[in-house]
Amino acid sequence: MPTLILHGDDDQIVPIQASGMLSSKLIKGAVLKVYKGAPHGMCTTLKDKVNADLLAFIESKAAKSSDRAA
């Protein structure tokens, strides 16, 4: 299952070491995207960047899936 983990390295509510870093090691093949200086609410404060990264991830996985189907 394609998994993208997004985390800000300045999250004071859920520290990156206890969440993003650990999750990326536990989930086989996961992609960890770290946003330098980003807080807990980065999906609001950095919405354009987060949305662009989500779309790029989805498109990359869709392209790989199409290649395999062909």
PDB file of N, CA and C in Angstrom:
ATOM      1  N   MET A   1       0.842  -1.167   0.000  1.00  0.00           N
ATOM      2  CA  MET A   1       0.000   0.000   0.000  1.00  0.00           C
ATOM      3  C   MET A   1       0.894   1.241   0.000  1.00  0.00           C
ATOM      4  N   PRO A   2       0.782   2.091  -1.018  1.00  0.00           N
ATOM      5  CA  PRO A   2       1.590   3.307  -1.049  1.00  0.00           C
ATOM      6  C   PRO A   2       1.269   4.192   0.156  1.00  0.00           C
ATOM      7  N   THR A   3       2.294   4.628   0.846  1.00  0.00           N
ATOM      8  CA  THR A   3       2.108   5.430   2.051  1.00  0.00           C
ATOM      9  C   THR A   3       3.030   6.639   2.022  1.00  0.00           C
ATOM     10  N   LEU A   4       2.440   7.812   2.174  1.00  0.00           N
ATOM     11  CA  LEU A   4       3.191   9.055   2.269  1.00  0.00           C
ATOM     12  C   LEU A   4       2.988   9.611   3.668  1.00  0.00           C
ATOM     13  N   ILE A   5       4.082   9.835   4.360  1.00  0.00           N
ATOM     14  CA  ILE A   5       4.034  10.404   5.703  1.00  0.00           C
ATOM     15  C   ILE A   5       4.568  11.829   5.618  1.00  0.00           C
ATOM     16  N   LEU A   6       3.749  12.783   6.021  1.00  0.00           N
ATOM     17  CA  LEU A   6       4.124  14.189   6.014  1.00  0.00           C
ATOM     18  C   LEU A   6       4.287  14.649   7.455  1.00  0.00           C
ATOM     19  N   HIS A   7       5.378  15.356   7.735  1.00  0.00           N
ATOM     20  CA  HIS A   7       5.601  15.805   9.113  1.00  0.00           C
ATOM     21  C   HIS A   7       6.458  17.053   9.127  1.00  0.00           C
ATOM     22  N   GLY A   8       6.094  17.979   9.993  1.00  0.00           N
ATOM     23  CA  GLY A   8       6.905  19.172  10.202  1.00  0.00           C
ATOM     24  C   GLY A   8       7.954  18.894  11.268  1.00  0.00           C
ATOM     25  N   ASP A   9       9.167  19.389  11.060  1.00  0.00           N
ATOM     26  CA  ASP A   9      10.206  19.108  12.046  1.00  0.00           C
ATOM     27  C   ASP A   9      10.162  20.045  13.257  1.00  0.00           C
ATOM     28  N   ASP A  10       9.183  20.965  13.269  1.00  0.00           N
ATOM     29  CA  ASP A  10       9.005  21.837  14.432  1.00  0.00           C
ATOM     30  C   ASP A  10       7.637  21.612  15.081  1.00  0.00           C
ATOM     31  N   ASP A  11       7.086  20.427  14.921  1.00  0.00           N
ATOM     32  CA  ASP A  11       5.803  20.078  15.530  1.00  0.00           C
ATOM     33  C   ASP A  11       6.001  19.923  17.036  1.00  0.00           C
ATOM     34  N   GLN A  12       5.378  20.801  17.808  1.00  0.00           N
ATOM     35  CA  GLN A  12       5.513  20.779  19.261  1.00  0.00           C
ATOM     36  C   GLN A  12       4.465  19.894  19.931  1.00  0.00           C
ATOM     37  N   ILE A  13       3.453  19.475  19.182  1.00  0.00           N
ATOM     38  CA  ILE A  13       2.382  18.645  19.740  1.00  0.00           C
ATOM     39  C   ILE A  13       2.688  17.168  19.542  1.00  0.00           C
ATOM     40  N   VAL A  14       3.114  16.800  18.341  1.00  0.00           N
ATOM     41  CA  VAL A  14       3.498  15.418  18.028  1.00  0.00           C
ATOM     42  C   VAL A  14       4.919  15.472  17.468  1.00  0.00           C
ATOM     43  N   PRO A  15       5.922  15.315  18.320  1.00  0.00           N
ATOM     44  CA  PRO A  15       7.307  15.411  17.862  1.00  0.00           C
ATOM     45  C   PRO A  15       7.623  14.410  16.744  1.00  0.00           C
ATOM     46  N   ILE A  16       8.415  14.851  15.792  1.00  0.00           N
ATOM     47  CA  ILE A  16       8.736  14.045  14.620  1.00  0.00           C
ATOM     48  C   ILE A  16       9.405  12.723  14.992  1.00  0.00           C
ATOM     49  N   GLN A  17      10.232  12.707  16.016  1.00  0.00           N
ATOM     50  CA  GLN A  17      10.917  11.473  16.408  1.00  0.00           C
ATOM     51  C   GLN A  17       9.924  10.417  16.908  1.00  0.00           C
ATOM     52  N   ALA A  18       8.848  10.867  17.542  1.00  0.00           N
ATOM     53  CA  ALA A  18       7.867   9.937  18.106  1.00  0.00           C
ATOM     54  C   ALA A  18       6.795   9.533  17.105  1.00  0.00           C
ATOM     55  N   SER A  19       6.774  10.172  15.957  1.00  0.00           N
ATOM     56  CA  SER A  19       5.707   9.891  15.010  1.00  0.00           C
ATOM     57  C   SER A  19       6.215   9.639  13.590  1.00  0.00           C
ATOM     58  N   GLY A  20       6.600  10.693  12.901  1.00  0.00           N
ATOM     59  CA  GLY A  20       6.998  10.569  11.496  1.00  0.00           C
ATOM     60  C   GLY A  20       8.157   9.632  11.269  1.00  0.00           C
ATOM     61  N   MET A  21       9.207   9.791  12.057  1.00  0.00           N
ATOM     62  CA  MET A  21      10.393   8.940  11.891  1.00  0.00           C
ATOM     63  C   MET A  21      10.069   7.480  12.203  1.00  0.00           C
ATOM     64  N   LEU A  22       9.339   7.262  13.276  1.00  0.00           N
ATOM     65  CA  LEU A  22       8.978   5.902  13.670  1.00  0.00           C
ATOM     66  C   LEU A  22       8.051   5.258  12.640  1.00  0.00           C
ATOM     67  N   SER A  23       7.036   5.991  12.221  1.00  0.00           N
ATOM     68  CA  SER A  23       6.085   5.451  11.235  1.00  0.00           C
ATOM     69  C   SER A  23       6.771   5.073   9.929  1.00  0.00           C
ATOM     70  N   SER A  24       7.695   5.921   9.493  1.00  0.00           N
ATOM     71  CA  SER A  24       8.367   5.636   8.220  1.00  0.00           C
ATOM     72  C   SER A  24       9.235   4.381   8.299  1.00  0.00           C
ATOM     73  N   LYS A  25       9.679   4.029   9.491  1.00  0.00           N
ATOM     74  CA  LYS A  25      10.453   2.796   9.664  1.00  0.00           C
ATOM     75  C   LYS A  25       9.550   1.572   9.791  1.00  0.00           C
ATOM     76  N   LEU A  26       8.372   1.763  10.360  1.00  0.00           N
ATOM     77  CA  LEU A  26       7.461   0.642  10.594  1.00  0.00           C
ATOM     78  C   LEU A  26       6.665   0.241   9.353  1.00  0.00           C
ATOM     79  N   ILE A  27       6.406   1.198   8.468  1.00  0.00           N
ATOM     80  CA  ILE A  27       5.591   0.929   7.281  1.00  0.00           C
ATOM     81  C   ILE A  27       6.517   0.683   6.094  1.00  0.00           C
ATOM     82  N   LYS A  28       6.529  -0.551   5.635  1.00  0.00           N
ATOM     83  CA  LYS A  28       7.417  -0.942   4.545  1.00  0.00           C
ATOM     84  C   LYS A  28       7.154  -0.098   3.294  1.00  0.00           C
ATOM     85  N   GLY A  29       8.213   0.492   2.775  1.00  0.00           N
ATOM     86  CA  GLY A  29       8.128   1.266   1.543  1.00  0.00           C
ATOM     87  C   GLY A  29       7.549   2.664   1.702  1.00  0.00           C
ATOM     88  N   ALA A  30       7.302   3.092   2.935  1.00  0.00           N
ATOM     89  CA  ALA A  30       6.725   4.417   3.158  1.00  0.00           C
ATOM     90  C   ALA A  30       7.690   5.509   2.718  1.00  0.00           C
ATOM     91  N   VAL A  31       7.119   6.606   2.265  1.00  0.00           N
ATOM     92  CA  VAL A  31       7.894   7.790   1.893  1.00  0.00           C
ATOM     93  C   VAL A  31       7.670   8.835   2.974  1.00  0.00           C
ATOM     94  N   LEU A  32       8.746   9.330   3.562  1.00  0.00           N
ATOM     95  CA  LEU A  32       8.662  10.368   4.588  1.00  0.00           C
ATOM     96  C   LEU A  32       9.063  11.704   3.979  1.00  0.00           C
ATOM     97  N   LYS A  33       8.164  12.668   4.071  1.00  0.00           N
ATOM     98  CA  LYS A  33       8.431  14.027   3.597  1.00  0.00           C
ATOM     99  C   LYS A  33       8.449  14.936   4.829  1.00  0.00           C
ATOM    100  N   VAL A  34       9.607  15.528   5.100  1.00  0.00           N
ATOM    101  CA  VAL A  34       9.767  16.400   6.262  1.00  0.00           C
ATOM    102  C   VAL A  34       9.770  17.853   5.802  1.00  0.00           C
ATOM    103  N   TYR A  35       8.951  18.653   6.449  1.00  0.00           N
ATOM    104  CA  TYR A  35       8.865  20.074   6.155  1.00  0.00           C
ATOM    105  C   TYR A  35       9.666  20.841   7.199  1.00  0.00           C
ATOM    106  N   LYS A  36      10.765  21.426   6.765  1.00  0.00           N
ATOM    107  CA  LYS A  36      11.653  22.148   7.669  1.00  0.00           C
ATOM    108  C   LYS A  36      10.938  23.356   8.283  1.00  0.00           C
ATOM    109  N   GLY A  37      10.964  23.403   9.616  1.00  0.00           N
ATOM    110  CA  GLY A  37      10.369  24.515  10.347  1.00  0.00           C
ATOM    111  C   GLY A  37       8.859  24.488  10.449  1.00  0.00           C
ATOM    112  N   ALA A  38       8.226  23.456   9.923  1.00  0.00           N
ATOM    113  CA  ALA A  38       6.759  23.404   9.902  1.00  0.00           C
ATOM    114  C   ALA A  38       6.189  22.960  11.252  1.00  0.00           C
ATOM    115  N   PRO A  39       5.085  23.589  11.669  1.00  0.00           N
ATOM    116  CA  PRO A  39       4.436  23.249  12.928  1.00  0.00           C
ATOM    117  C   PRO A  39       3.415  22.120  12.753  1.00  0.00           C
ATOM    118  N   HIS A  40       2.713  21.839  13.840  1.00  0.00           N
ATOM    119  CA  HIS A  40       1.693  20.791  13.853  1.00  0.00           C
ATOM    120  C   HIS A  40       0.593  21.058  12.819  1.00  0.00           C
ATOM    121  N   GLY A  41       0.203  22.292  12.645  1.00  0.00           N
ATOM    122  CA  GLY A  41      -0.894  22.633  11.732  1.00  0.00           C
ATOM    123  C   GLY A  41      -0.447  22.926  10.315  1.00  0.00           C
ATOM    124  N   MET A  42       0.572  22.220   9.852  1.00  0.00           N
ATOM    125  CA  MET A  42       1.152  22.533   8.550  1.00  0.00           C
ATOM    126  C   MET A  42       0.181  22.332   7.386  1.00  0.00           C
ATOM    127  N   CYS A  43      -0.821  21.504   7.548  1.00  0.00           N
ATOM    128  CA  CYS A  43      -1.796  21.317   6.463  1.00  0.00           C
ATOM    129  C   CYS A  43      -2.614  22.582   6.233  1.00  0.00           C
ATOM    130  N   THR A  44      -2.628  23.455   7.224  1.00  0.00           N
ATOM    131  CA  THR A  44      -3.283  24.752   7.089  1.00  0.00           C
ATOM    132  C   THR A  44      -2.274  25.831   6.715  1.00  0.00           C
ATOM    133  N   THR A  45      -1.163  25.869   7.433  1.00  0.00           N
ATOM    134  CA  THR A  45      -0.183  26.937   7.217  1.00  0.00           C
ATOM    135  C   THR A  45       0.611  26.763   5.924  1.00  0.00           C
ATOM    136  N   LEU A  46       0.766  25.541   5.471  1.00  0.00           N
ATOM    137  CA  LEU A  46       1.517  25.243   4.242  1.00  0.00           C
ATOM    138  C   LEU A  46       0.652  24.475   3.241  1.00  0.00           C
ATOM    139  N   LYS A  47      -0.629  24.820   3.207  1.00  0.00           N
ATOM    140  CA  LYS A  47      -1.581  24.024   2.421  1.00  0.00           C
ATOM    141  C   LYS A  47      -1.199  23.876   0.953  1.00  0.00           C
ATOM    142  N   ASP A  48      -0.681  24.913   0.337  1.00  0.00           N
ATOM    143  CA  ASP A  48      -0.322  24.810  -1.082  1.00  0.00           C
ATOM    144  C   ASP A  48       0.817  23.819  -1.302  1.00  0.00           C
ATOM    145  N   LYS A  49       1.820  23.849  -0.445  1.00  0.00           N
ATOM    146  CA  LYS A  49       2.958  22.921  -0.546  1.00  0.00           C
ATOM    147  C   LYS A  49       2.509  21.488  -0.245  1.00  0.00           C
ATOM    148  N   VAL A  50       1.736  21.325   0.824  1.00  0.00           N
ATOM    149  CA  VAL A  50       1.242  19.992   1.197  1.00  0.00           C
ATOM    150  C   VAL A  50       0.384  19.416   0.075  1.00  0.00           C
ATOM    151  N   ASN A  51      -0.534  20.218  -0.466  1.00  0.00           N
ATOM    152  CA  ASN A  51      -1.402  19.735  -1.540  1.00  0.00           C
ATOM    153  C   ASN A  51      -0.605  19.363  -2.784  1.00  0.00           C
ATOM    154  N   ALA A  52       0.409  20.161  -3.122  1.00  0.00           N
ATOM    155  CA  ALA A  52       1.251  19.853  -4.288  1.00  0.00           C
ATOM    156  C   ALA A  52       2.009  18.544  -4.070  1.00  0.00           C
ATOM    157  N   ASP A  53       2.519  18.337  -2.863  1.00  0.00           N
ATOM    158  CA  ASP A  53       3.253  17.105  -2.573  1.00  0.00           C
ATOM    159  C   ASP A  53       2.328  15.891  -2.570  1.00  0.00           C
ATOM    160  N   LEU A  54       1.130  16.050  -2.044  1.00  0.00           N
ATOM    161  CA  LEU A  54       0.152  14.950  -2.074  1.00  0.00           C
ATOM    162  C   LEU A  54      -0.204  14.580  -3.519  1.00  0.00           C
ATOM    163  N   LEU A  55      -0.468  15.580  -4.325  1.00  0.00           N
ATOM    164  CA  LEU A  55      -0.817  15.337  -5.724  1.00  0.00           C
ATOM    165  C   LEU A  55       0.328  14.668  -6.472  1.00  0.00           C
ATOM    166  N   ALA A  56       1.550  15.136  -6.251  1.00  0.00           N
ATOM    167  CA  ALA A  56       2.716  14.529  -6.904  1.00  0.00           C
ATOM    168  C   ALA A  56       2.874  13.066  -6.493  1.00  0.00           C
ATOM    169  N   PHE A  57       2.660  12.775  -5.220  1.00  0.00           N
ATOM    170  CA  PHE A  57       2.765  11.394  -4.734  1.00  0.00           C
ATOM    171  C   PHE A  57       1.694  10.515  -5.387  1.00  0.00           C
ATOM    172  N   ILE A  58       0.477  10.995  -5.399  1.00  0.00           N
ATOM    173  CA  ILE A  58      -0.630  10.217  -5.994  1.00  0.00           C
ATOM    174  C   ILE A  58      -0.383   9.990  -7.481  1.00  0.00           C
ATOM    175  N   GLU A  59       0.046  11.040  -8.181  1.00  0.00           N
ATOM    176  CA  GLU A  59       0.312  10.902  -9.612  1.00  0.00           C
ATOM    177  C   GLU A  59       1.459   9.939  -9.886  1.00  0.00           C
ATOM    178  N   SER A  60       2.491   9.964  -9.042  1.00  0.00           N
ATOM    179  CA  SER A  60       3.617   9.053  -9.254  1.00  0.00           C
ATOM    180  C   SER A  60       3.192   7.601  -9.045  1.00  0.00           C
ATOM    181  N   LYS A  61       2.336   7.373  -8.084  1.00  0.00           N
ATOM    182  CA  LYS A  61       1.860   6.011  -7.827  1.00  0.00           C
ATOM    183  C   LYS A  61       0.895   5.569  -8.916  1.00  0.00           C
ATOM    184  N   ALA A  62       0.080   6.475  -9.424  1.00  0.00           N
ATOM    185  CA  ALA A  62      -0.846   6.136 -10.503  1.00  0.00           C
ATOM    186  C   ALA A  62      -0.069   5.802 -11.778  1.00  0.00           C
ATOM    187  N   ALA A  63       1.000   6.545 -12.053  1.00  0.00           N
ATOM    188  CA  ALA A  63       1.811   6.284 -13.244  1.00  0.00           C
ATOM    189  C   ALA A  63       2.477   4.907 -13.155  1.00  0.00           C
ATOM    190  N   LYS A  64       2.981   4.579 -12.006  1.00  0.00           N
ATOM    191  CA  LYS A  64       3.612   3.251 -11.821  1.00  0.00           C
ATOM    192  C   LYS A  64       2.586   2.149 -11.976  1.00  0.00           C
ATOM    193  N   SER A  65       1.398   2.383 -11.471  1.00  0.00           N
ATOM    194  CA  SER A  65       0.332   1.387 -11.587  1.00  0.00           C
ATOM    195  C   SER A  65      -0.065   1.194 -13.052  1.00  0.00           C
ATOM    196  N   SER A  66      -0.138   2.283 -13.805  1.00  0.00           N
ATOM    197  CA  SER A  66      -0.472   2.210 -15.234  1.00  0.00           C
ATOM    198  C   SER A  66       0.596   1.475 -16.017  1.00  0.00           C
ATOM    199  N   ASP A  67       1.861   1.721 -15.666  1.00  0.00           N
ATOM    200  CA  ASP A  67       2.968   1.034 -16.341  1.00  0.00           C
ATOM    201  C   ASP A  67       2.891  -0.475 -16.148  1.00  0.00           C
ATOM    202  N   ARG A  68       2.525  -0.884 -14.942  1.00  0.00           N
ATOM    203  CA  ARG A  68       2.430  -2.318 -14.664  1.00  0.00           C
ATOM    204  C   ARG A  68       1.252  -2.965 -15.381  1.00  0.00           C
ATOM    205  N   ALA A  69       0.185  -2.205 -15.564  1.00  0.00           N
ATOM    206  CA  ALA A  69      -1.015  -2.730 -16.202  1.00  0.00           C
ATOM    207  C   ALA A  69      -0.821  -2.877 -17.719  1.00  0.00           C
ATOM    208  N   ALA A  70       0.071  -2.098 -18.274  1.00  0.00           N
ATOM    209  CA  ALA A  70       0.269  -2.118 -19.734  1.00  0.00           C
ATOM    210  C   ALA A  70       1.048  -3.310 -20.218  1.00  0.00           C
TER     211      ALA A  70
END
